[in-house]
PDB file of N, CA and C in Angstrom:
ATOM      1  N   MET A   1       0.752  -1.233  -0.143  1.00  0.00           N
ATOM      2  CA  MET A   1      -0.302  -0.149  -0.418  1.00  0.00           C
ATOM      3  C   MET A   1       1.170   1.077  -0.090  1.00  0.00           C
ATOM      4  N   LEU A   2       1.674   1.195   0.185  1.00  0.00           N
ATOM      5  CA  LEU A   2       2.907   2.298   1.080  1.00  0.00           C
ATOM      6  C   LEU A   2       4.102   2.911  -0.179  1.00  0.00           C
ATOM      7  N   ASP A   3       3.495   2.009  -1.562  1.00  0.00           N
ATOM      8  CA  ASP A   3       4.168   2.483  -2.772  1.00  0.00           C
ATOM      9  C   ASP A   3       3.671   2.713  -3.340  1.00  0.00           C
ATOM     10  N   LYS A   4       2.353   1.901  -3.558  1.00  0.00           N
ATOM     11  CA  LYS A   4       1.311   2.634  -4.590  1.00  0.00           C
ATOM     12  C   LYS A   4       1.223   3.944  -4.083  1.00  0.00           C
ATOM     13  N   CYS A   5       1.094   4.630  -2.963  1.00  0.00           N
ATOM     14  CA  CYS A   5       0.683   5.396  -2.231  1.00  0.00           C
ATOM     15  C   CYS A   5       2.006   6.682  -3.068  1.00  0.00           C
ATOM     16  N   ILE A   6       3.296   5.995  -2.540  1.00  0.00           N
ATOM     17  CA  ILE A   6       4.709   6.395  -2.431  1.00  0.00           C
ATOM     18  C   ILE A   6       4.849   6.293  -4.589  1.00  0.00           C
ATOM     19  N   ASP A   7       4.243   5.854  -5.723  1.00  0.00           N
ATOM     20  CA  ASP A   7       3.972   5.953  -6.897  1.00  0.00           C
ATOM     21  C   ASP A   7       2.538   6.817  -6.899  1.00  0.00           C
ATOM     22  N   GLU A   8       1.782   7.116  -6.652  1.00  0.00           N
ATOM     23  CA  GLU A   8       0.645   8.118  -7.259  1.00  0.00           C
ATOM     24  C   GLU A   8       0.005   8.363  -6.120  1.00  0.00           C
ATOM     25  N   GLY A   9       0.030   8.953  -4.965  1.00  0.00           N
ATOM     26  CA  GLY A   9      -0.800  10.168  -3.995  1.00  0.00           C
ATOM     27  C   GLY A   9      -1.250   8.980  -3.420  1.00  0.00           C
ATOM     28  N   ILE A  10      -1.248   9.795  -1.767  1.00  0.00           N
ATOM     29  CA  ILE A  10      -2.162   8.693  -1.175  1.00  0.00           C
ATOM     30  C   ILE A  10      -3.757   9.370  -1.654  1.00  0.00           C
ATOM     31  N   GLU A  11      -3.945  10.487  -1.610  1.00  0.00           N
ATOM     32  CA  GLU A  11      -5.284  10.413  -3.042  1.00  0.00           C
ATOM     33  C   GLU A  11      -6.037  10.139  -3.472  1.00  0.00           C
ATOM     34  N   ASN A  12      -5.126   8.920  -3.785  1.00  0.00           N
ATOM     35  CA  ASN A  12      -6.628   8.174  -4.885  1.00  0.00           C
ATOM     36  C   ASN A  12      -6.935   7.080  -3.814  1.00  0.00           C
ATOM     37  N   LEU A  13      -6.604   6.776  -2.727  1.00  0.00           N
ATOM     38  CA  LEU A  13      -7.295   5.846  -2.074  1.00  0.00           C
ATOM     39  C   LEU A  13      -8.975   6.331  -1.355  1.00  0.00           C
ATOM     40  N   GLU A  14      -8.597   7.925  -1.572  1.00  0.00           N
ATOM     41  CA  GLU A  14      -9.986   7.271  -0.747  1.00  0.00           C
ATOM     42  C   GLU A  14     -11.112   7.775  -2.444  1.00  0.00           C
ATOM     43  N   SER A  15     -10.213   7.628  -2.954  1.00  0.00           N
ATOM     44  CA  SER A  15     -11.739   6.261  -4.695  1.00  0.00           C
ATOM     45  C   SER A  15     -11.765   4.889  -3.992  1.00  0.00           C
ATOM     46  N   ILE A  16     -12.876   4.170  -3.542  1.00  0.00           N
ATOM     47  CA  ILE A  16     -13.258   3.253  -3.537  1.00  0.00           C
ATOM     48  C   ILE A  16     -12.318   2.102  -4.912  1.00  0.00           C
ATOM     49  N   GLU A  17     -12.369   3.452  -6.034  1.00  0.00           N
ATOM     50  CA  GLU A  17     -12.271   1.415  -6.764  1.00  0.00           C
ATOM     51  C   GLU A  17     -11.136   1.505  -7.196  1.00  0.00           C
ATOM     52  N   VAL A  18     -10.434   2.453  -6.302  1.00  0.00           N
ATOM     53  CA  VAL A  18      -8.829   2.545  -6.518  1.00  0.00           C
ATOM     54  C   VAL A  18      -8.296   0.891  -5.845  1.00  0.00           C
ATOM     55  N   LEU A  19      -9.512  -0.239  -5.181  1.00  0.00           N
ATOM     56  CA  LEU A  19      -9.282  -1.138  -4.274  1.00  0.00           C
ATOM     57  C   LEU A  19      -9.305  -2.238  -5.430  1.00  0.00           C
ATOM     58  N   SER A  20      -9.723  -2.111  -6.926  1.00  0.00           N
ATOM     59  CA  SER A  20     -10.742  -3.529  -7.985  1.00  0.00           C
ATOM     60  C   SER A  20      -8.820  -3.064  -8.189  1.00  0.00           C
ATOM     61  N   ILE A  21      -8.381  -2.147  -8.569  1.00  0.00           N
ATOM     62  CA  ILE A  21      -6.385  -2.148  -9.544  1.00  0.00           C
ATOM     63  C   ILE A  21      -5.439  -3.417  -8.302  1.00  0.00           C
ATOM     64  N   ASN A  22      -4.335  -2.977  -9.083  1.00  0.00           N
ATOM     65  CA  ASN A  22      -4.043  -4.080  -8.987  1.00  0.00           C
ATOM     66  C   ASN A  22      -2.572  -2.938  -7.365  1.00  0.00           C
ATOM     67  N   PRO A  23      -2.042  -3.254  -6.175  1.00  0.00           N
ATOM     68  CA  PRO A  23      -2.185  -4.400  -5.784  1.00  0.00           C
ATOM     69  C   PRO A  23      -3.156  -4.224  -4.895  1.00  0.00           C
ATOM     70  N   PHE A  24      -4.055  -4.096  -4.747  1.00  0.00           N
ATOM     71  CA  PHE A  24      -5.029  -4.212  -3.579  1.00  0.00           C
ATOM     72  C   PHE A  24      -6.221  -5.292  -4.918  1.00  0.00           C
ATOM     73  N   ASP A  25      -6.313  -5.330  -5.439  1.00  0.00           N
ATOM     74  CA  ASP A  25      -7.238  -6.487  -6.004  1.00  0.00           C
ATOM     75  C   ASP A  25      -6.568  -7.577  -5.531  1.00  0.00           C
ATOM     76  N   LYS A  26      -5.348  -8.088  -5.016  1.00  0.00           N
ATOM     77  CA  LYS A  26      -4.860  -8.989  -4.265  1.00  0.00           C
ATOM     78  C   LYS A  26      -5.615  -9.033  -2.864  1.00  0.00           C
ATOM     79  N   PHE A  27      -6.045  -8.817  -2.653  1.00  0.00           N
ATOM     80  CA  PHE A  27      -6.596  -8.521  -1.282  1.00  0.00           C
ATOM     81  C   PHE A  27      -8.581  -9.333  -1.760  1.00  0.00           C
ATOM     82  N   GLY A  28      -8.444  -9.941  -2.865  1.00  0.00           N
ATOM     83  CA  GLY A  28      -9.620  -9.351  -2.460  1.00  0.00           C
ATOM     84  C   GLY A  28     -10.587  -8.449  -3.914  1.00  0.00           C
ATOM     85  N   SER A  29     -12.148  -8.894  -3.287  1.00  0.00           N
ATOM     86  CA  SER A  29     -12.955  -7.608  -3.920  1.00  0.00           C
ATOM     87  C   SER A  29     -12.935  -6.731  -3.240  1.00  0.00           C
ATOM     88  N   PRO A  30     -13.008  -5.459  -4.117  1.00  0.00           N
ATOM     89  CA  PRO A  30     -13.126  -4.273  -2.501  1.00  0.00           C
ATOM     90  C   PRO A  30     -14.385  -3.994  -1.893  1.00  0.00           C
ATOM     91  N   ILE A  31     -15.359  -4.690  -2.163  1.00  0.00           N
ATOM     92  CA  ILE A  31     -16.318  -5.859  -0.712  1.00  0.00           C
ATOM     93  C   ILE A  31     -15.443  -6.273   0.127  1.00  0.00           C
ATOM     94  N   GLU A  32     -14.851  -7.281   0.096  1.00  0.00           N
ATOM     95  CA  GLU A  32     -14.056  -7.731   0.643  1.00  0.00           C
ATOM     96  C   GLU A  32     -13.319  -6.658   1.772  1.00  0.00           C
ATOM     97  N   ILE A  33     -12.297  -6.357   0.778  1.00  0.00           N
ATOM     98  CA  ILE A  33     -10.753  -5.127   1.357  1.00  0.00           C
ATOM     99  C   ILE A  33     -11.954  -4.112   2.205  1.00  0.00           C
ATOM    100  N   ILE A  34     -13.398  -3.524   1.784  1.00  0.00           N
ATOM    101  CA  ILE A  34     -14.401  -2.828   2.904  1.00  0.00           C
ATOM    102  C   ILE A  34     -14.407  -3.326   4.178  1.00  0.00           C
ATOM    103  N   ASN A  35     -15.841  -4.695   3.696  1.00  0.00           N
ATOM    104  CA  ASN A  35     -15.802  -5.093   5.110  1.00  0.00           C
ATOM    105  C   ASN A  35     -14.687  -5.801   5.990  1.00  0.00           C
ATOM    106  N   GLU A  36     -12.981  -5.815   5.653  1.00  0.00           N
ATOM    107  CA  GLU A  36     -11.888  -5.712   6.245  1.00  0.00           C
ATOM    108  C   GLU A  36     -11.786  -4.471   7.525  1.00  0.00           C
ATOM    109  N   PHE A  37     -12.138  -3.542   7.452  1.00  0.00           N
ATOM    110  CA  PHE A  37     -12.067  -2.257   8.147  1.00  0.00           C
ATOM    111  C   PHE A  37     -13.955  -2.265   8.238  1.00  0.00           C
ATOM    112  N   GLY A  38     -15.204  -2.968   8.100  1.00  0.00           N
ATOM    113  CA  GLY A  38     -16.493  -3.016   9.303  1.00  0.00           C
ATOM    114  C   GLY A  38     -16.858  -2.309   7.875  1.00  0.00           C
ATOM    115  N   SER A  39     -16.769  -1.425   8.299  1.00  0.00           N
ATOM    116  CA  SER A  39     -17.548  -0.537   6.937  1.00  0.00           C
ATOM    117  C   SER A  39     -17.988   0.198   5.850  1.00  0.00           C
ATOM    118  N   LYS A  40     -18.025   0.929   4.946  1.00  0.00           N
ATOM    119  CA  LYS A  40     -16.697   1.885   4.498  1.00  0.00           C
ATOM    120  C   LYS A  40     -16.840   3.093   4.565  1.00  0.00           C
ATOM    121  N   GLU A  41     -18.053   3.385   5.561  1.00  0.00           N
ATOM    122  CA  GLU A  41     -17.208   4.515   7.005  1.00  0.00           C
ATOM    123  C   GLU A  41     -16.059   4.144   7.675  1.00  0.00           C
ATOM    124  N   LYS A  42     -15.907   3.031   7.986  1.00  0.00           N
ATOM    125  CA  LYS A  42     -14.576   2.461   9.157  1.00  0.00           C
ATOM    126  C   LYS A  42     -13.135   3.118   7.452  1.00  0.00           C
ATOM    127  N   TYR A  43     -13.761   2.585   6.887  1.00  0.00           N
ATOM    128  CA  TYR A  43     -12.690   2.234   6.124  1.00  0.00           C
ATOM    129  C   TYR A  43     -11.948   4.169   5.069  1.00  0.00           C
ATOM    130  N   LEU A  44     -13.200   4.211   5.406  1.00  0.00           N
ATOM    131  CA  LEU A  44     -12.346   6.292   5.166  1.00  0.00           C
ATOM    132  C   LEU A  44     -12.162   6.282   6.133  1.00  0.00           C
ATOM    133  N   GLN A  45     -13.113   6.670   7.145  1.00  0.00           N
ATOM    134  CA  GLN A  45     -11.855   6.565   8.212  1.00  0.00           C
ATOM    135  C   GLN A  45     -10.314   6.123   8.797  1.00  0.00           C
ATOM    136  N   ALA A  46     -10.375   5.431   8.432  1.00  0.00           N
ATOM    137  CA  ALA A  46      -8.438   4.627   8.643  1.00  0.00           C
ATOM    138  C   ALA A  46      -8.034   5.801   6.680  1.00  0.00           C
ATOM    139  N   VAL A  47      -8.625   5.819   6.445  1.00  0.00           N
ATOM    140  CA  VAL A  47      -7.718   6.090   4.814  1.00  0.00           C
ATOM    141  C   VAL A  47      -7.690   7.923   5.360  1.00  0.00           C
ATOM    142  N   LYS A  48      -8.741   8.325   5.981  1.00  0.00           N
ATOM    143  CA  LYS A  48      -8.316   9.700   6.536  1.00  0.00           C
ATOM    144  C   LYS A  48      -6.664   9.348   7.221  1.00  0.00           C
ATOM    145  N   GLU A  49      -6.617   9.242   8.242  1.00  0.00           N
ATOM    146  CA  GLU A  49      -5.563   8.320   9.680  1.00  0.00           C
ATOM    147  C   GLU A  49      -4.220   8.274   9.214  1.00  0.00           C
ATOM    148  N   LEU A  50      -4.740   8.043   7.656  1.00  0.00           N
ATOM    149  CA  LEU A  50      -3.612   7.268   7.081  1.00  0.00           C
ATOM    150  C   LEU A  50      -2.888   8.290   6.432  1.00  0.00           C
ATOM    151  N   GLU A  51      -3.830   9.478   5.938  1.00  0.00           N
ATOM    152  CA  GLU A  51      -3.757  10.597   5.412  1.00  0.00           C
ATOM    153  C   GLU A  51      -2.674  11.684   6.366  1.00  0.00           C
ATOM    154  N   ILE A  52      -3.511  12.113   7.154  1.00  0.00           N
ATOM    155  CA  ILE A  52      -3.474  12.888   8.409  1.00  0.00           C
ATOM    156  C   ILE A  52      -1.885  12.532   9.150  1.00  0.00           C
ATOM    157  N   GLU A  53      -1.661  11.272   8.505  1.00  0.00           N
ATOM    158  CA  GLU A  53      -0.165   9.756   9.231  1.00  0.00           C
ATOM    159  C   GLU A  53       1.162  10.711   8.121  1.00  0.00           C
ATOM    160  N   TRP A  54       0.789  10.405   6.923  1.00  0.00           N
ATOM    161  CA  TRP A  54       1.600  10.398   5.755  1.00  0.00           C
ATOM    162  C   TRP A  54       2.539  11.598   5.775  1.00  0.00           C
ATOM    163  N   TYR A  55       0.973  12.853   5.129  1.00  0.00           N
ATOM    164  CA  TYR A  55       1.439  14.593   5.787  1.00  0.00           C
ATOM    165  C   TYR A  55       2.655  15.207   6.737  1.00  0.00           C
ATOM    166  N   LYS A  56       2.379  14.238   8.146  1.00  0.00           N
ATOM    167  CA  LYS A  56       2.938  14.395   9.587  1.00  0.00           C
ATOM    168  C   LYS A  56       4.402  14.607   9.320  1.00  0.00           C
ATOM    169  N   ASN A  57       4.762  12.590   8.612  1.00  0.00           N
ATOM    170  CA  ASN A  57       5.499  12.735   7.722  1.00  0.00           C
ATOM    171  C   ASN A  57       6.922  12.834   6.787  1.00  0.00           C
ATOM    172  N   VAL A  58       5.755  13.256   6.060  1.00  0.00           N
ATOM    173  CA  VAL A  58       6.434  13.365   4.597  1.00  0.00           C
ATOM    174  C   VAL A  58       6.963  15.022   4.301  1.00  0.00           C
ATOM    175  N   GLY A  59       5.765  16.222   4.868  1.00  0.00           N
ATOM    176  CA  GLY A  59       6.012  17.042   4.472  1.00  0.00           C
ATOM    177  C   GLY A  59       5.365  17.998   4.994  1.00  0.00           C
TER     178      GLY A  59
END
């Protein structure tokens, strides 16, 4: 996941569609991945927290 963020930027993770492309498709379908977080809202919250930490450390 970090490699994808480095290559393309972390903003892409906010789009659910990104979960259907490489390397995320290796972990299951977008619905399966979101279900691992408990819900779409929890997935988006995790992405938001990742963004906050990313920007603290990158810039």
